[in-house]
């Protein structure tokens, strides 16, 4: 279903599901025969868990088990590395990949004597697959990239990727804002001044919005043709509360939620993705246990009661400058799924199980990960005259948060949009 919202005269991770997805046929690109047509350059911006990250261990002072390495000779893939997600090595992974929050600066650093880097910035290789083995179970933007290449796009020329350290909240990773801006500028310049189409998935929309909010209208007009916002969690998600409380296995078979919890709690992106009061008002219960309910107004007490008081500082720092109600100031296409059971309230039946046991769940509508009210905020907040640029809303029934990137409806919508943008001949001059 496609609707347009516009002014009267004219707006943990998270979270990863490693499931096989079927291959996509190429018939949808056949209608676009002229591959020599000038291309609107595209930048792919991944979500939570969607960027490959490498680590080097420089003599860690301690490790959780004697078999965990303290030192490595060089960088190695730490995320996503399927070999590390097993019972024998997951504790090593968690200790190596966790962040350490400093209340004095409100910023994080890596675990002591761990160095990380995000490989492949500008290219698509590390956002097409979660794992560098490129097995089908870790396919991410790959189906879309294949379609675009068949249409005449060239990787690292007209099709770029912007991986980033998804562990960190927007305030905690200012360098990425600068890097993303520079990548867009360079890509526009290398393509005869044609503004870019930004295709962001999930948490990638949060970081992209923050970057766009910092730019002038003239910069956006000259460098960004549109934002394709896929499954944008602008209002957060109840599922993030499970990461903070009991931990989440991320649907990885045989994984122990409690083993993942120290990592998930340490991420400032998890704190940012907790439900926002603008969408879940005080008084609406999100977490229940005998004798106590928690809404967005009780987050401080929630962190005390789960024994993670540092979470209050992390949360406050993460949301301090976050303004989902401030439109990006570019044409937007909101695309998301609905109609799937999505956590709406977490319930512990016994205080003896709180918070370590997995809770019961009252279900809400959404895409399986993000609640519908958060997904719909893309059009609700930015459409209807909130900005001068048009905002389109395209919903796909039954499209799951990650699998939406492989749905034929999404791929066709994207190709149709790209074809329309490519047909434009003029590109903007400075104001």
Protein backbone atom coordinates (compact mmCIF):
# COMPACT_ATOMS: atom_id res chain seq x y z
CA UNK A 1 0.00 0.00 0.00
CA UNK A 2 1.51 3.34 -1.09
CA UNK A 3 0.42 6.72 0.18
CA UNK A 4 2.02 10.16 -0.05
CA UNK A 5 1.97 12.67 2.76
CA UNK A 6 2.91 16.23 1.82
CA UNK A 7 2.20 19.89 2.56
CA UNK A 8 -1.04 21.36 1.21
CA UNK A 9 0.90 22.92 -1.69
CA UNK A 10 3.15 20.07 -2.58
CA UNK A 11 7.69 14.75 4.11
CA UNK A 12 21.32 -5.39 19.24
CA UNK A 13 20.91 -5.93 18.34
CA UNK A 14 19.45 -4.66 16.98
CA UNK A 15 18.91 -6.95 16.13
CA UNK A 16 19.97 -9.79 13.98
CA UNK A 17 18.14 -12.91 12.72
CA UNK A 18 20.41 -15.38 10.96
CA UNK A 19 17.87 -17.21 8.83
CA UNK A 20 18.13 -18.43 5.28
CA UNK A 21 16.38 -16.28 2.70
CA UNK A 22 15.41 -17.46 -0.77
CA UNK A 23 17.25 -16.19 -3.84
CA UNK A 24 15.59 -13.38 -5.73
CA UNK A 25 14.84 -13.65 -9.44
CA UNK A 26 16.23 -11.07 -11.84
CA UNK A 27 13.03 -10.54 -13.85
CA UNK A 28 12.28 -7.26 -12.08
CA UNK A 29 15.25 -5.53 -13.72
CA UNK A 30 14.40 -6.54 -17.27
CA UNK A 31 12.11 -3.56 -17.83
CA UNK A 32 15.08 -1.25 -17.29
CA UNK A 33 17.05 -2.05 -20.43
CA UNK A 34 19.17 1.09 -20.79
CA UNK A 35 22.12 0.39 -18.51
CA UNK A 36 24.06 3.29 -20.01
CA UNK A 37 21.64 5.83 -18.52
CA UNK A 38 23.31 8.13 -15.95
CA UNK A 39 22.83 6.74 -12.48
CA UNK A 40 21.70 8.40 -9.29
CA UNK A 41 24.46 7.20 -6.93
CA UNK A 42 23.32 5.09 -4.00
CA UNK A 43 24.78 4.80 -0.50
CA UNK A 44 23.78 1.77 1.62
CA UNK A 45 23.72 2.43 5.37
CA UNK A 46 23.31 -0.70 7.53
CA UNK A 47 21.53 -1.13 10.83
CA UNK A 48 22.32 -2.58 14.26
CA UNK A 49 24.58 -5.59 13.74
CA UNK A 50 24.81 -4.93 10.01
CA UNK A 51 28.47 -3.90 9.70
CA UNK A 52 31.44 -6.24 9.83
CA UNK A 53 33.92 -5.28 12.56
CA UNK A 54 37.48 -6.47 13.11
CA UNK A 55 39.44 -6.62 16.37
CA UNK A 56 43.04 -6.96 17.52
CA UNK A 57 43.97 -8.05 21.04
CA UNK A 58 47.05 -6.31 22.41
CA UNK A 59 47.61 -8.25 25.63
CA UNK A 60 44.34 -8.19 27.57
CA UNK A 61 44.87 -8.03 31.35
CA UNK A 62 42.28 -10.75 31.94
CA UNK A 63 40.02 -13.15 30.07
CA UNK A 64 36.88 -15.04 31.15
CA UNK A 65 38.40 -18.49 30.39
CA UNK A 66 41.94 -19.76 30.02
CA UNK A 67 41.28 -20.70 26.40
CA UNK A 68 40.33 -17.13 25.44
CA UNK A 69 43.14 -15.30 23.68
CA UNK A 70 44.82 -12.32 25.30
CA UNK A 71 46.79 -11.31 22.24
CA UNK A 72 46.46 -11.66 18.48
CA UNK A 73 49.11 -10.97 15.85
CA UNK A 74 46.74 -9.01 13.65
CA UNK A 75 43.14 -7.97 13.18
CA UNK A 76 40.56 -10.73 12.85
CA UNK A 77 36.80 -10.67 12.14
CA UNK A 78 34.96 -10.39 15.44
CA UNK A 79 31.53 -9.41 14.08
CA UNK A 80 29.89 -11.22 12.63
CA UNK A 81 32.00 -14.33 13.19
CA UNK A 82 29.80 -17.41 13.31
CA UNK A 83 32.68 -19.50 14.65
CA UNK A 84 32.69 -17.42 17.86
CA UNK A 85 28.96 -17.80 18.49
CA UNK A 86 29.10 -21.16 20.22
CA UNK A 87 29.03 -22.26 23.83
CA UNK A 88 32.80 -22.59 24.12
CA UNK A 89 33.80 -19.20 22.73
CA UNK A 90 30.84 -16.86 23.20
CA UNK A 91 32.20 -15.61 26.54
CA UNK A 92 35.46 -14.72 24.80
CA UNK A 93 33.53 -12.84 22.11
CA UNK A 94 31.44 -10.94 24.63
CA UNK A 95 34.46 -9.86 26.68
CA UNK A 96 36.37 -8.78 23.58
CA UNK A 97 33.48 -6.93 21.92
CA UNK A 98 31.88 -5.18 24.90
CA UNK A 99 32.18 -1.45 25.49
CA UNK A 100 33.22 0.37 28.66
CA UNK A 101 31.21 3.47 29.52
CA UNK A 102 32.93 6.42 31.20
CA UNK A 103 30.43 8.51 33.24
CA UNK A 104 32.88 11.43 33.27
CA UNK A 105 32.71 11.83 29.49
CA UNK A 106 29.49 9.94 28.68
CA UNK A 107 31.48 8.11 26.00
CA UNK A 108 32.59 4.52 25.59
CA UNK A 109 35.85 2.77 24.82
CA UNK A 110 36.68 -0.79 23.87
CA UNK A 111 37.41 -3.48 26.41
CA UNK A 112 40.95 -2.93 27.78
CA UNK A 113 43.70 -3.72 25.27
CA UNK A 114 41.21 -4.35 22.45
CA UNK A 115 41.45 -2.35 19.22
CA UNK A 116 38.60 -2.42 16.71
CA UNK A 117 38.12 -1.15 13.20
CA UNK A 118 35.32 -1.17 10.60
CA UNK A 119 36.70 -2.43 7.27
CA UNK A 120 35.57 -1.51 3.79
CA UNK A 121 34.14 1.96 4.29
CA UNK A 122 32.84 3.20 0.95
CA UNK A 123 32.54 -0.27 -0.58
CA UNK A 124 29.53 -2.58 -0.30
CA UNK A 125 31.35 -5.83 0.50
CA UNK A 126 31.00 -5.59 4.28
CA UNK A 127 27.32 -4.61 4.20
CA UNK A 128 26.20 -7.17 1.64
CA UNK A 129 26.85 -9.95 4.16
CA UNK A 130 27.04 -9.98 7.95
CA UNK A 131 29.84 -12.57 7.87
CA UNK A 132 32.85 -12.37 5.57
CA UNK A 133 32.37 -16.04 4.68
CA UNK A 134 29.47 -14.81 2.50
CA UNK A 135 27.28 -17.79 3.30
CA UNK A 136 23.64 -17.32 2.40
CA UNK A 137 22.59 -17.31 6.06
CA UNK A 138 24.44 -14.01 6.52
CA UNK A 139 23.11 -12.22 3.41
CA UNK A 140 22.15 -8.61 4.16
CA UNK A 141 22.10 -5.97 1.37
CA UNK A 142 23.31 -8.58 -1.13
CA UNK A 143 20.02 -9.13 -2.98
CA UNK A 144 19.57 -5.41 -3.52
CA UNK A 145 23.18 -5.00 -4.65
CA UNK A 146 22.79 -7.82 -7.18
CA UNK A 147 19.66 -6.19 -8.59
CA UNK A 148 21.34 -2.81 -8.88
CA UNK A 149 24.45 -4.23 -10.54
CA UNK A 150 22.21 -6.00 -13.07
CA UNK A 151 20.64 -2.61 -13.70
CA UNK A 152 24.02 -1.11 -14.51
CA UNK A 153 25.32 0.08 -11.14
CA UNK A 154 28.99 -0.37 -10.30
CA UNK A 155 30.15 -1.27 -6.80
CA UNK A 156 32.33 1.41 -5.21
CA UNK A 157 31.44 3.88 -8.00
CA UNK A 158 27.69 4.39 -8.26
CA UNK A 159 26.90 1.97 -5.42
CA UNK A 160 28.62 2.69 -2.10
CA UNK A 161 28.46 1.32 1.42
CA UNK A 162 28.77 3.11 4.76
CA UNK A 163 29.47 0.53 7.49
CA UNK A 164 29.96 1.87 11.01
CA UNK A 165 30.44 0.77 14.61
CA UNK A 166 26.81 -0.01 15.41
CA UNK A 167 27.62 -0.62 19.07
CA UNK A 168 27.69 3.09 19.74
CA UNK A 169 24.90 5.63 20.05
CA UNK A 170 24.86 8.69 17.83
CA UNK A 171 26.57 10.89 20.44
CA UNK A 172 29.19 8.20 20.97
CA UNK A 173 30.37 8.03 17.36
CA UNK A 174 30.72 11.56 15.96
CA UNK A 175 33.43 10.51 13.51
CA UNK A 176 30.92 8.47 11.54
CA UNK A 177 28.76 11.55 10.98
CA UNK A 178 31.75 13.26 9.41
CA UNK A 179 32.75 10.18 7.42
CA UNK A 180 29.23 9.68 6.07
CA UNK A 181 29.00 13.30 4.99
CA UNK A 182 32.37 13.07 3.24
CA UNK A 183 31.39 9.83 1.49
CA UNK A 184 28.19 11.41 0.17
CA UNK A 185 30.09 14.47 -1.04
CA UNK A 186 32.74 12.38 -2.78
CA UNK A 187 30.16 10.09 -4.37
CA UNK A 188 28.15 13.04 -5.66
CA UNK A 189 31.27 14.68 -7.09
CA UNK A 190 32.37 11.44 -8.78
CA UNK A 191 29.00 11.10 -10.48
CA UNK A 192 28.71 14.42 -12.30
CA UNK A 193 27.13 16.18 -9.35
CA UNK A 194 24.09 13.90 -9.13
CA UNK A 195 22.76 13.86 -5.54
CA UNK A 196 22.74 10.49 -3.77
CA UNK A 197 19.91 8.19 -2.82
CA UNK A 198 20.53 7.06 0.76
CA UNK A 199 19.18 3.58 1.51
CA UNK A 200 19.25 3.07 5.28
CA UNK A 201 18.03 0.04 7.21
CA UNK A 202 16.90 -0.02 10.84
CA UNK A 203 19.35 1.78 13.16
CA UNK A 204 21.09 3.12 10.07
CA UNK A 205 18.19 5.54 9.80
CA UNK A 206 18.87 6.86 13.29
CA UNK A 207 22.48 7.72 12.52
CA UNK A 208 21.60 9.05 9.05
CA UNK A 209 18.92 11.32 10.49
CA UNK A 210 21.42 12.76 12.95
CA UNK A 211 23.84 13.54 10.13
CA UNK A 212 21.17 15.17 7.96
CA UNK A 213 19.92 17.30 10.85
CA UNK A 214 23.38 18.85 11.09
CA UNK A 215 23.54 19.92 7.42
CA UNK A 216 22.28 23.10 5.75
CA UNK A 217 19.31 22.99 3.36
CA UNK A 218 21.65 23.90 0.50
CA UNK A 219 24.03 21.02 1.29
CA UNK A 220 21.15 18.53 1.41
CA UNK A 221 19.64 19.83 -1.82
CA UNK A 222 22.94 19.42 -3.66
CA UNK A 223 24.02 16.08 -2.18
CA UNK A 224 20.96 14.02 -1.17
CA UNK A 225 18.21 13.28 -3.66
CA UNK A 226 16.16 11.15 -1.25
CA UNK A 227 16.26 8.91 1.79
CA UNK A 228 14.82 5.40 1.51
CA UNK A 229 14.14 4.67 5.18
CA UNK A 230 13.65 0.92 5.64
CA UNK A 231 12.29 -0.36 8.97
CA UNK A 232 13.33 2.81 10.80
CA UNK A 233 13.00 2.39 14.61
CA UNK A 234 12.58 6.11 15.29
CA UNK A 235 10.70 5.55 18.53
CA UNK A 236 12.80 2.63 19.76
CA UNK A 237 11.58 -0.90 20.40
CA UNK A 238 10.38 -2.86 23.42
CA UNK A 239 12.76 -5.65 22.42
CA UNK A 240 15.68 -3.46 23.52
CA UNK A 241 14.41 -3.78 27.10
CA UNK A 242 14.97 -7.53 26.93
CA UNK A 243 18.60 -6.92 25.97
CA UNK A 244 19.04 -4.75 29.05
CA UNK A 245 17.19 -7.04 31.46
CA UNK A 246 17.53 -10.75 30.65
CA UNK A 247 19.62 -10.65 27.50
CA UNK A 248 18.57 -11.89 24.08
CA UNK A 249 19.87 -14.81 22.04
CA UNK A 250 19.26 -12.84 18.81
CA UNK A 251 17.52 -15.98 17.52
CA UNK A 252 20.88 -17.72 17.23
CA UNK A 253 20.27 -21.44 17.87
CA UNK A 254 21.64 -22.76 21.18
CA UNK A 255 22.88 -19.34 22.24
CA UNK A 256 22.46 -18.40 25.92
CA UNK A 257 20.77 -15.02 26.45
CA UNK A 258 22.59 -14.42 29.73
CA UNK A 259 25.92 -14.98 28.01
CA UNK A 260 25.10 -12.21 25.55
CA UNK A 261 23.74 -9.79 28.16
CA UNK A 262 27.01 -8.15 29.29
CA UNK A 263 27.72 -7.19 25.69
CA UNK A 264 24.19 -6.01 24.95
CA UNK A 265 23.99 -3.91 28.12
CA UNK A 266 27.28 -2.19 27.37
CA UNK A 267 26.19 -0.77 24.01
CA UNK A 268 25.06 2.85 23.96
CA UNK A 269 23.05 1.98 20.85
CA UNK A 270 20.97 -0.40 22.98
CA UNK A 271 20.25 2.45 25.40
CA UNK A 272 19.22 4.72 22.52
CA UNK A 273 16.89 2.07 21.08
CA UNK A 274 14.87 1.64 24.27
CA UNK A 275 11.25 2.83 23.84
CA UNK A 276 11.02 6.62 23.78
CA UNK A 277 8.50 8.50 25.97
CA UNK A 278 7.19 10.36 22.92
CA UNK A 279 5.79 7.04 21.67
CA UNK A 280 5.24 5.12 24.95
CA UNK A 281 3.88 7.65 27.43
CA UNK A 282 4.26 7.43 31.19
CA UNK A 283 1.70 5.06 32.62
CA UNK A 284 1.87 2.55 29.78
CA UNK A 285 3.46 -0.52 31.33
CA UNK A 286 6.36 -2.01 29.39
CA UNK A 287 7.75 -4.34 32.06
CA UNK A 288 5.90 -6.14 34.85
CA UNK A 289 6.97 -8.25 37.79
CA UNK A 290 5.19 -9.03 41.05
CA UNK A 291 4.68 -5.78 42.95
CA UNK A 292 6.25 -3.53 40.33
CA UNK A 293 5.51 -2.11 36.87
CA UNK A 294 7.83 -0.01 34.72
CA UNK A 295 6.99 2.52 32.02
CA UNK A 296 9.27 4.96 30.21
CA UNK A 297 8.93 7.20 33.29
CA UNK A 298 10.53 4.53 35.52
CA UNK A 299 13.72 3.82 33.60
CA UNK A 300 15.96 5.01 36.43
CA UNK A 301 14.29 2.62 38.87
CA UNK A 302 14.37 -0.13 36.25
CA UNK A 303 18.15 0.14 36.00
CA UNK A 304 18.50 0.10 39.78
CA UNK A 305 16.31 -2.98 40.06
CA UNK A 306 18.20 -4.97 37.41
CA UNK A 307 21.49 -4.08 39.12
CA UNK A 308 22.82 -1.95 36.29
CA UNK A 309 22.68 1.62 37.60
CA UNK A 310 25.19 2.76 34.99
CA UNK A 311 22.44 2.23 32.42
CA UNK A 312 20.68 5.40 33.59
CA UNK A 313 23.70 7.52 32.69
CA UNK A 314 24.13 5.70 29.40
CA UNK A 315 20.49 6.21 28.49
CA UNK A 316 20.51 9.91 29.42
CA UNK A 317 23.64 10.53 27.36
CA UNK A 318 22.32 8.58 24.37
CA UNK A 319 19.00 10.44 24.09
CA UNK A 320 20.19 13.92 25.08
CA UNK A 321 20.40 15.21 21.51
CA UNK A 322 18.10 12.74 19.81
CA UNK A 323 15.28 14.49 17.91
CA UNK A 324 13.21 12.04 15.84
CA UNK A 325 10.54 14.74 15.48
CA UNK A 326 12.94 17.02 13.56
CA UNK A 327 12.53 16.05 9.87
CA UNK A 328 15.60 15.27 7.77
CA UNK A 329 14.78 17.92 5.16
CA UNK A 330 15.04 15.61 2.14
CA UNK A 331 12.52 13.54 0.20
CA UNK A 332 11.75 10.42 2.25
CA UNK A 333 10.36 7.01 1.36
CA UNK A 334 9.26 5.16 4.50
CA UNK A 335 9.16 1.38 3.92
CA UNK A 336 8.37 -1.13 6.65
CA UNK A 337 6.49 -4.29 7.49
CA UNK A 338 3.60 -4.91 9.84
CA UNK A 339 1.31 -7.68 11.01
CA UNK A 340 3.89 -9.74 12.90
CA UNK A 341 3.97 -10.58 16.60
CA UNK A 342 6.36 -8.10 18.20
CA UNK A 343 7.19 -7.74 21.91
CA UNK A 344 4.88 -5.18 23.49
CA UNK A 345 5.28 -5.93 27.21
CA UNK A 346 7.71 -8.13 29.13
CA UNK A 347 6.32 -10.03 32.12
CA UNK A 348 8.17 -11.82 34.91
CA UNK A 349 5.77 -14.01 36.92
CA UNK A 350 8.16 -14.44 39.85
CA UNK A 351 10.64 -12.09 41.47
CA UNK A 352 12.91 -15.10 41.91
CA UNK A 353 13.29 -15.16 38.13
CA UNK A 354 13.81 -11.41 37.81
CA UNK A 355 15.63 -10.31 35.74
CA UNK A 356 17.76 -13.28 34.65
CA UNK A 357 15.06 -15.60 33.33
CA UNK A 358 13.46 -14.99 29.96
CA UNK A 359 10.14 -13.17 30.44
CA UNK A 360 6.70 -13.96 29.13
CA UNK A 361 5.60 -11.59 26.40
CA UNK A 362 2.43 -9.67 25.65
CA UNK A 363 2.49 -9.21 21.91
CA UNK A 364 2.12 -6.01 19.93
CA UNK A 365 1.96 -5.38 16.19
CA UNK A 366 5.14 -4.68 14.28
CA UNK A 367 7.77 -6.32 12.10
CA UNK A 368 8.84 -8.89 14.68
CA UNK A 369 11.52 -6.62 16.14
CA UNK A 370 10.27 -3.02 16.05
CA UNK A 371 6.77 -1.98 17.12
CA UNK A 372 4.42 -0.46 14.55
CA UNK A 373 4.11 2.87 16.36
CA UNK A 374 7.88 3.30 16.07
CA UNK A 375 8.02 2.24 12.42
CA UNK A 376 5.10 4.49 11.47
CA UNK A 377 6.83 7.51 13.02
CA UNK A 378 8.78 7.98 9.79
CA UNK A 379 5.64 9.17 8.00
CA UNK A 380 3.72 10.35 11.07
CA UNK A 381 6.45 12.74 12.24
CA UNK A 382 7.92 13.87 8.93
CA UNK A 383 4.88 13.86 6.66
CA UNK A 384 1.76 15.98 6.62
CA UNK A 385 3.60 19.26 6.11
CA UNK A 386 6.32 18.83 8.72
CA UNK A 387 8.87 19.47 5.97
CA UNK A 388 8.70 20.97 2.48
CA UNK A 389 9.96 17.81 0.79
CA UNK A 390 7.51 14.97 0.10
CA UNK A 391 7.25 11.90 2.29
CA UNK A 392 5.98 8.60 0.88
CA UNK A 393 4.78 5.65 2.93
CA UNK A 394 4.95 2.06 1.61
CA UNK A 395 3.98 -0.79 3.92
CA UNK A 396 4.43 -4.52 3.31
CA UNK A 397 2.20 -6.91 5.26
CA UNK A 398 4.14 -9.67 6.97
CA UNK A 399 7.57 -8.24 6.15
CA UNK A 400 9.98 -9.09 8.97
CA UNK A 401 12.53 -6.54 10.20
CA UNK A 402 15.56 -8.07 8.47
CA UNK A 403 13.93 -10.17 5.78
CA UNK A 404 12.22 -7.09 4.34
CA UNK A 405 15.48 -6.42 2.47
CA UNK A 406 14.88 -9.65 0.54
CA UNK A 407 11.16 -9.19 -0.08
CA UNK A 408 10.21 -8.80 -3.77
CA UNK A 409 7.94 -5.87 -2.88
CA UNK A 410 10.81 -3.92 -1.34
CA UNK A 411 13.22 -4.73 -4.15
CA UNK A 412 10.69 -3.71 -6.80
CA UNK A 413 9.80 -0.50 -4.97
CA UNK A 414 13.48 0.39 -4.78
CA UNK A 415 14.10 -0.36 -8.46
CA UNK A 416 11.07 1.70 -9.48
CA UNK A 417 12.31 4.61 -7.37
CA UNK A 418 15.82 4.32 -8.76
CA UNK A 419 14.47 4.22 -12.32
CA UNK A 420 12.47 7.40 -11.72
CA UNK A 421 15.44 9.21 -10.18
CA UNK A 422 17.74 8.10 -12.98
CA UNK A 423 15.36 9.60 -15.53
CA UNK A 424 15.95 13.05 -14.05
CA UNK A 425 18.46 15.06 -16.05
CA UNK A 426 18.93 18.26 -14.05
CA UNK A 427 21.02 18.40 -10.92
CA UNK A 428 20.92 21.29 -8.48
CA UNK A 429 23.13 24.33 -8.41
CA UNK A 430 24.07 26.10 -5.21
CA UNK A 431 21.53 28.51 -3.79
